[in-house]
Amino acid sequence: MAIRSFGGSLTEKQREFYHNEGYLILEDLLNEEDMMAPKEAMQTKVQWIADALASAGLITDKLEHRPFPYRLAELFQGLTSEDFLQFGRSWRDRLPGYYHLMSNPKIVDAVESLIGGEIFSNPVYNVRPKVPGVAAGAVPWHQDKSYWPDANANPVITVWLSFIDATLENGCLHLKPKTQHSKVLDWHHEKHTGTGYTALHDHQLGRQKTVALPVRAGTAILFNDRLLHMSTPNLSDHVRWSVDLRYQPTDQDPMPQHGAGFLVRSREFPDRVATLEDWMASKPEHGSTASV
């Protein structure tokens, strides 16, 4: 089947690999400058959590001197998974650093190669601190589309980004190539850890090999929302920080039931692209008078 040609930054070989395998690795896509603003947003949330833990009497030291990879892990040493899960298994705070990440031209250029230049940033973005010893760290086998099975949105491209080196020890991403052609499989909510993740049974995974993807910080992994994937527990002494973003063509369902996405690129209507101020006000486009 011929693959429709778009602009963007990917080579023909990369596009073919994505369409055939269901995923693509873009090593070192982001540099330290690109990661600075979202890291500041993550550190803001960690400070909020430290303040809350201290106010609740669960900690006596907010560990404000500790480095980025270690602070959150050490804040929860001796605490329980329930203590962590009160702050959510993943975060979707409306902080400026995340807008700058979602709007980063390096990311959007890559997405444009796959779906064209009319791009909507899906409201389902997640900041994931995989904390050692916390139940939310391990994510079971699933398809992202299981979180929006009724949405009129296909394709949705997940862009998974590492903010420290993701390793086999700290729980890197694992996936099954070529499974993006699967229908949305019957799924269930994981019940043992309190996370409520959607999950698949072992017998649903088929015989396709599993590929583990340890990657350096700044690497992006793009994959189709039907691709089977998971991640393992964090057995290290630090947090495995990652963010998963999602993009889709503008003619697909914006999924307002999941929050407010925004127009991140439009070759046809560039004046409508949402600014930081629009996004902070939950407006999907520049000039829109309504918030989602």
Protein backbone atom coordinates (compact mmCIF):
# COMPACT_ATOMS: atom_id res chain seq x y z
CA MET A 1 0.00 0.00 0.00
CA ALA A 2 1.36 3.41 -0.96
CA ILE A 3 2.12 5.72 1.95
CA ARG A 4 0.80 9.23 1.46
CA SER A 5 3.58 11.81 1.28
CA PHE A 6 3.62 14.75 3.71
CA GLY A 7 6.19 17.36 4.67
CA GLY A 8 7.95 17.39 8.01
CA SER A 9 11.35 16.16 9.14
CA LEU A 10 11.26 12.38 8.74
CA THR A 11 12.98 10.57 5.90
CA GLU A 12 11.09 8.22 3.62
CA LYS A 13 12.86 5.29 5.28
CA GLN A 14 11.74 6.45 8.73
CA ARG A 15 8.16 6.88 7.58
CA GLU A 16 8.12 3.41 6.05
CA PHE A 17 9.52 1.92 9.26
CA TYR A 18 6.81 3.63 11.33
CA HIS A 19 4.00 2.42 9.07
CA ASN A 20 5.38 -1.13 8.89
CA GLU A 21 6.47 -1.63 12.50
CA GLY A 22 4.05 0.70 14.28
CA TYR A 23 6.75 2.72 16.03
CA LEU A 24 9.85 4.81 15.39
CA ILE A 25 12.78 5.83 17.61
CA LEU A 26 14.21 9.33 17.18
CA GLU A 27 17.39 9.31 19.21
CA ASP A 28 18.44 12.54 20.92
CA LEU A 29 15.55 14.49 19.39
CA LEU A 30 15.55 16.97 22.28
CA ASN A 31 18.56 18.66 23.83
CA GLU A 32 18.99 20.08 27.31
CA GLU A 33 17.56 23.45 26.27
CA ASP A 34 14.43 21.75 24.86
CA MET A 35 13.96 19.85 28.12
CA MET A 36 14.56 22.79 30.45
CA ALA A 37 11.03 24.25 30.55
CA PRO A 38 9.20 20.91 31.02
CA LYS A 39 11.71 19.90 33.70
CA GLU A 40 10.97 23.14 35.53
CA ALA A 41 7.26 22.25 35.38
CA MET A 42 8.02 18.80 36.81
CA GLN A 43 10.07 20.34 39.60
CA THR A 44 7.22 22.74 40.38
CA LYS A 45 4.91 19.75 40.88
CA VAL A 46 7.48 17.96 43.02
CA GLN A 47 7.66 21.05 45.24
CA TRP A 48 3.87 21.04 45.58
CA ILE A 49 4.01 17.37 46.59
CA ALA A 50 6.82 17.96 49.09
CA ASP A 51 4.81 20.79 50.65
CA ALA A 52 1.73 18.56 50.89
CA LEU A 53 3.65 15.65 52.42
CA ALA A 54 5.22 17.97 54.97
CA SER A 55 1.85 19.54 55.84
CA ALA A 56 0.41 16.06 56.37
CA GLY A 57 3.28 15.16 58.70
CA LEU A 58 4.50 12.37 56.40
CA ILE A 59 7.97 13.89 55.93
CA THR A 60 10.17 16.26 57.92
CA ASP A 61 12.65 17.15 55.15
CA LYS A 62 11.49 18.43 51.74
CA LEU A 63 14.90 17.47 50.24
CA GLU A 64 15.08 20.67 48.23
CA HIS A 65 18.82 20.18 47.75
CA ARG A 66 18.50 16.82 45.99
CA PRO A 67 19.05 16.45 42.21
CA PHE A 68 16.15 16.11 39.78
CA PRO A 69 16.37 12.30 39.24
CA TYR A 70 16.44 11.53 42.98
CA ARG A 71 14.29 14.00 44.89
CA LEU A 72 10.83 12.53 44.29
CA ALA A 73 12.11 8.99 44.84
CA GLU A 74 13.62 9.94 48.18
CA LEU A 75 10.53 11.88 49.27
CA PHE A 76 8.53 8.64 49.05
CA GLN A 77 11.08 6.37 50.71
CA GLY A 78 9.28 4.67 53.57
CA LEU A 79 5.86 5.75 52.33
CA THR A 80 3.25 3.63 50.58
CA SER A 81 1.85 3.39 47.06
CA GLU A 82 -1.36 4.92 48.42
CA ASP A 83 0.61 7.93 49.61
CA PHE A 84 1.89 8.40 46.08
CA LEU A 85 -1.37 7.68 44.26
CA GLN A 86 -3.18 10.49 46.09
CA PHE A 87 -1.29 12.76 43.66
CA GLY A 88 -2.29 10.67 40.63
CA ARG A 89 -0.56 7.90 38.74
CA SER A 90 0.42 10.49 36.11
CA TRP A 91 0.11 14.24 35.89
CA ARG A 92 -1.62 16.58 33.48
CA ASP A 93 -1.04 19.95 35.13
CA ARG A 94 -1.53 23.04 32.97
CA LEU A 95 1.95 24.49 33.45
CA PRO A 96 3.69 26.55 30.74
CA GLY A 97 6.59 24.11 30.38
CA TYR A 98 4.28 21.44 29.00
CA TYR A 99 2.86 23.77 26.35
CA HIS A 100 6.40 24.53 25.22
CA LEU A 101 7.11 20.81 25.02
CA MET A 102 3.95 19.98 23.06
CA SER A 103 4.64 22.88 20.69
CA ASN A 104 8.32 22.05 20.17
CA PRO A 105 8.95 22.20 16.39
CA LYS A 106 11.25 19.16 16.53
CA ILE A 107 8.34 17.04 17.76
CA VAL A 108 5.66 18.62 15.59
CA ASP A 109 7.86 18.40 12.46
CA ALA A 110 8.19 14.65 12.98
CA VAL A 111 4.44 14.24 13.48
CA GLU A 112 3.73 16.28 10.35
CA SER A 113 5.62 13.70 8.30
CA LEU A 114 3.05 11.11 9.35
CA ILE A 115 -0.30 12.95 9.37
CA GLY A 116 0.21 16.21 7.51
CA GLY A 117 0.33 19.86 8.53
CA GLU A 118 -3.07 20.24 10.22
CA ILE A 119 -2.24 18.95 13.69
CA PHE A 120 -4.24 18.87 16.92
CA SER A 121 -2.48 18.23 20.21
CA ASN A 122 -4.69 15.68 21.95
CA PRO A 123 -5.78 16.48 25.54
CA VAL A 124 -4.45 13.14 26.78
CA TYR A 125 -0.86 14.00 27.66
CA ASN A 126 0.79 12.48 30.71
CA VAL A 127 3.81 13.32 32.80
CA ARG A 128 4.94 10.02 34.29
CA PRO A 129 7.29 9.86 37.27
CA LYS A 130 8.09 6.17 37.60
CA VAL A 131 9.04 6.08 41.28
CA PRO A 132 10.92 3.07 42.74
CA GLY A 133 8.70 0.81 44.82
CA VAL A 134 5.45 2.54 43.85
CA ALA A 135 2.57 0.61 42.32
CA ALA A 136 1.98 3.12 39.55
CA GLY A 137 5.48 2.46 38.22
CA ALA A 138 4.68 -0.67 36.25
CA VAL A 139 2.24 -0.21 33.38
CA PRO A 140 0.59 -3.43 32.10
CA TRP A 141 0.28 -4.47 28.45
CA HIS A 142 -2.32 -2.29 26.75
CA GLN A 143 -3.24 -0.25 23.70
CA ASP A 144 -3.53 3.50 24.15
CA LYS A 145 -6.78 3.45 22.20
CA SER A 146 -8.36 1.48 25.06
CA TYR A 147 -8.55 4.82 26.88
CA TRP A 148 -10.71 6.34 24.12
CA PRO A 149 -12.34 3.32 22.39
CA ASP A 150 -15.42 5.25 21.22
CA ALA A 151 -13.56 8.30 19.91
CA ASN A 152 -13.68 9.03 16.20
CA ALA A 153 -9.91 9.47 16.13
CA ASN A 154 -7.55 7.38 14.05
CA PRO A 155 -4.67 7.79 13.74
CA VAL A 156 -3.56 9.12 17.08
CA ILE A 157 0.23 9.21 17.39
CA THR A 158 1.81 8.83 20.80
CA VAL A 159 5.14 10.60 21.26
CA TRP A 160 6.88 9.12 24.30
CA LEU A 161 9.80 11.21 25.56
CA SER A 162 12.48 10.29 28.08
CA PHE A 163 13.80 12.96 30.45
CA ILE A 164 16.50 10.82 31.99
CA ASP A 165 18.09 7.72 30.49
CA ALA A 166 15.43 4.98 30.39
CA THR A 167 17.04 1.63 31.18
CA LEU A 168 16.05 -1.98 31.75
CA GLU A 169 16.62 -1.37 35.47
CA ASN A 170 14.44 1.73 35.83
CA GLY A 171 11.60 0.42 33.65
CA CYS A 172 11.98 1.36 30.01
CA LEU A 173 9.25 0.97 27.41
CA HIS A 174 8.54 -2.48 25.92
CA LEU A 175 6.42 -3.01 22.81
CA LYS A 176 5.33 -5.56 20.25
CA PRO A 177 6.09 -4.39 16.69
CA LYS A 178 3.52 -4.77 13.92
CA THR A 179 0.59 -5.07 16.34
CA GLN A 180 -0.82 -1.66 15.35
CA HIS A 181 -3.21 -3.37 12.93
CA SER A 182 -5.01 -5.08 15.81
CA LYS A 183 -8.54 -4.00 16.60
CA VAL A 184 -9.13 -2.54 20.04
CA LEU A 185 -8.85 -5.69 22.13
CA ASP A 186 -11.17 -6.45 25.02
CA TRP A 187 -9.48 -4.93 28.04
CA HIS A 188 -10.02 -4.81 31.77
CA HIS A 189 -9.02 -2.40 34.53
CA GLU A 190 -6.02 -3.56 36.53
CA LYS A 191 -7.32 -4.14 40.08
CA HIS A 192 -4.37 -5.18 42.21
CA THR A 193 -2.42 -1.94 42.59
CA GLY A 194 -5.13 0.70 42.77
CA THR A 195 -3.99 2.38 39.57
CA GLY A 196 -6.93 1.35 37.38
CA TYR A 197 -4.75 1.08 34.27
CA THR A 198 -6.37 -0.64 31.28
CA ALA A 199 -4.74 -4.03 30.81
CA LEU A 200 -4.72 -7.11 28.60
CA HIS A 201 -4.48 -10.78 29.54
CA ASP A 202 -1.43 -12.79 28.52
CA HIS A 203 -3.42 -14.88 26.05
CA GLN A 204 -4.28 -11.71 24.09
CA LEU A 205 -0.68 -10.76 23.39
CA GLY A 206 -0.05 -13.17 20.53
CA ARG A 207 3.30 -14.51 19.41
CA GLN A 208 4.89 -11.30 18.19
CA LYS A 209 8.26 -10.75 19.85
CA THR A 210 8.63 -8.16 22.58
CA VAL A 211 11.19 -5.41 22.03
CA ALA A 212 12.66 -3.53 25.00
CA LEU A 213 13.65 0.07 24.25
CA PRO A 214 16.27 1.49 26.62
CA VAL A 215 17.00 5.00 25.35
CA ARG A 216 18.97 8.10 26.28
CA ALA A 217 17.37 11.22 27.73
CA GLY A 218 15.96 13.39 24.97
CA THR A 219 14.96 10.45 22.78
CA ALA A 220 11.44 10.23 21.36
CA ILE A 221 9.55 7.03 20.59
CA LEU A 222 6.58 7.53 18.27
CA PHE A 223 3.96 4.80 18.06
CA ASN A 224 0.44 4.08 16.87
CA ASP A 225 -2.33 4.11 19.47
CA ARG A 226 -3.22 0.48 18.74
CA LEU A 227 0.33 -0.83 19.25
CA LEU A 228 0.70 -3.21 22.21
CA HIS A 229 3.12 -1.83 24.79
CA MET A 230 3.95 -1.79 28.50
CA SER A 231 6.70 -0.83 30.94
CA THR A 232 8.29 -2.72 33.80
CA PRO A 233 8.79 -1.67 37.45
CA ASN A 234 11.52 0.73 38.45
CA LEU A 235 14.20 -1.22 40.33
CA SER A 236 16.68 1.64 40.53
CA ASP A 237 17.23 4.34 43.17
CA HIS A 238 15.92 7.24 41.05
CA VAL A 239 12.80 8.33 39.16
CA ARG A 240 12.41 7.40 35.51
CA TRP A 241 10.85 10.59 34.18
CA SER A 242 8.95 10.45 30.90
CA VAL A 243 6.16 12.33 29.15
CA ASP A 244 3.74 10.90 26.62
CA LEU A 245 2.13 13.34 24.20
CA ARG A 246 -0.48 12.63 21.53
CA TYR A 247 -1.21 14.21 18.18
CA GLN A 248 -3.87 13.67 15.54
CA PRO A 249 -5.24 15.31 12.38
CA THR A 250 -7.56 18.25 13.02
CA ASP A 251 -10.50 16.49 11.35
CA GLN A 252 -10.59 13.85 14.07
CA ASP A 253 -12.50 13.81 17.36
CA PRO A 254 -10.88 16.35 19.76
CA MET A 255 -12.05 14.21 22.71
CA PRO A 256 -13.21 17.09 24.95
CA GLN A 257 -14.37 14.56 27.53
CA HIS A 258 -10.67 14.06 28.31
CA GLY A 259 -9.83 17.77 28.63
CA ALA A 260 -8.76 20.63 26.38
CA GLY A 261 -6.42 19.92 23.49
CA PHE A 262 -5.26 22.61 21.11
CA LEU A 263 -4.35 23.41 17.52
CA VAL A 264 -0.57 23.08 17.52
CA ARG A 265 0.07 23.54 13.78
CA SER A 266 -1.95 24.60 10.76
CA ARG A 267 -0.42 25.19 7.35
CA GLU A 268 -3.83 26.32 6.13
CA PHE A 269 -4.86 28.55 9.05
CA PRO A 270 -1.64 29.51 10.90
CA ASP A 271 -3.34 32.42 12.69
CA ARG A 272 -5.55 29.93 14.53
CA VAL A 273 -2.68 28.10 16.23
CA ALA A 274 -3.14 28.29 20.00
CA THR A 275 -0.72 30.44 21.96
CA LEU A 276 0.48 29.73 25.48
CA GLU A 277 -2.16 32.13 26.78
CA ASP A 278 -4.88 30.27 24.83
CA TRP A 279 -3.73 26.91 26.20
CA MET A 280 -3.57 28.19 29.77
CA ALA A 281 -7.18 29.36 29.32
CA SER A 282 -8.17 25.94 27.86
CA LYS A 283 -8.96 27.48 24.47
CA PRO A 284 -8.43 25.07 21.55
CA GLU A 285 -7.54 27.79 19.03
CA HIS A 286 -6.31 31.36 18.94
CA GLY A 287 -9.24 33.73 18.66
CA SER A 288 -11.66 31.21 20.14
CA THR A 289 -14.04 32.68 22.70
CA ALA A 290 -14.97 29.37 24.26
CA SER A 291 -12.97 27.16 26.59
CA VAL A 292 -13.32 23.41 26.37
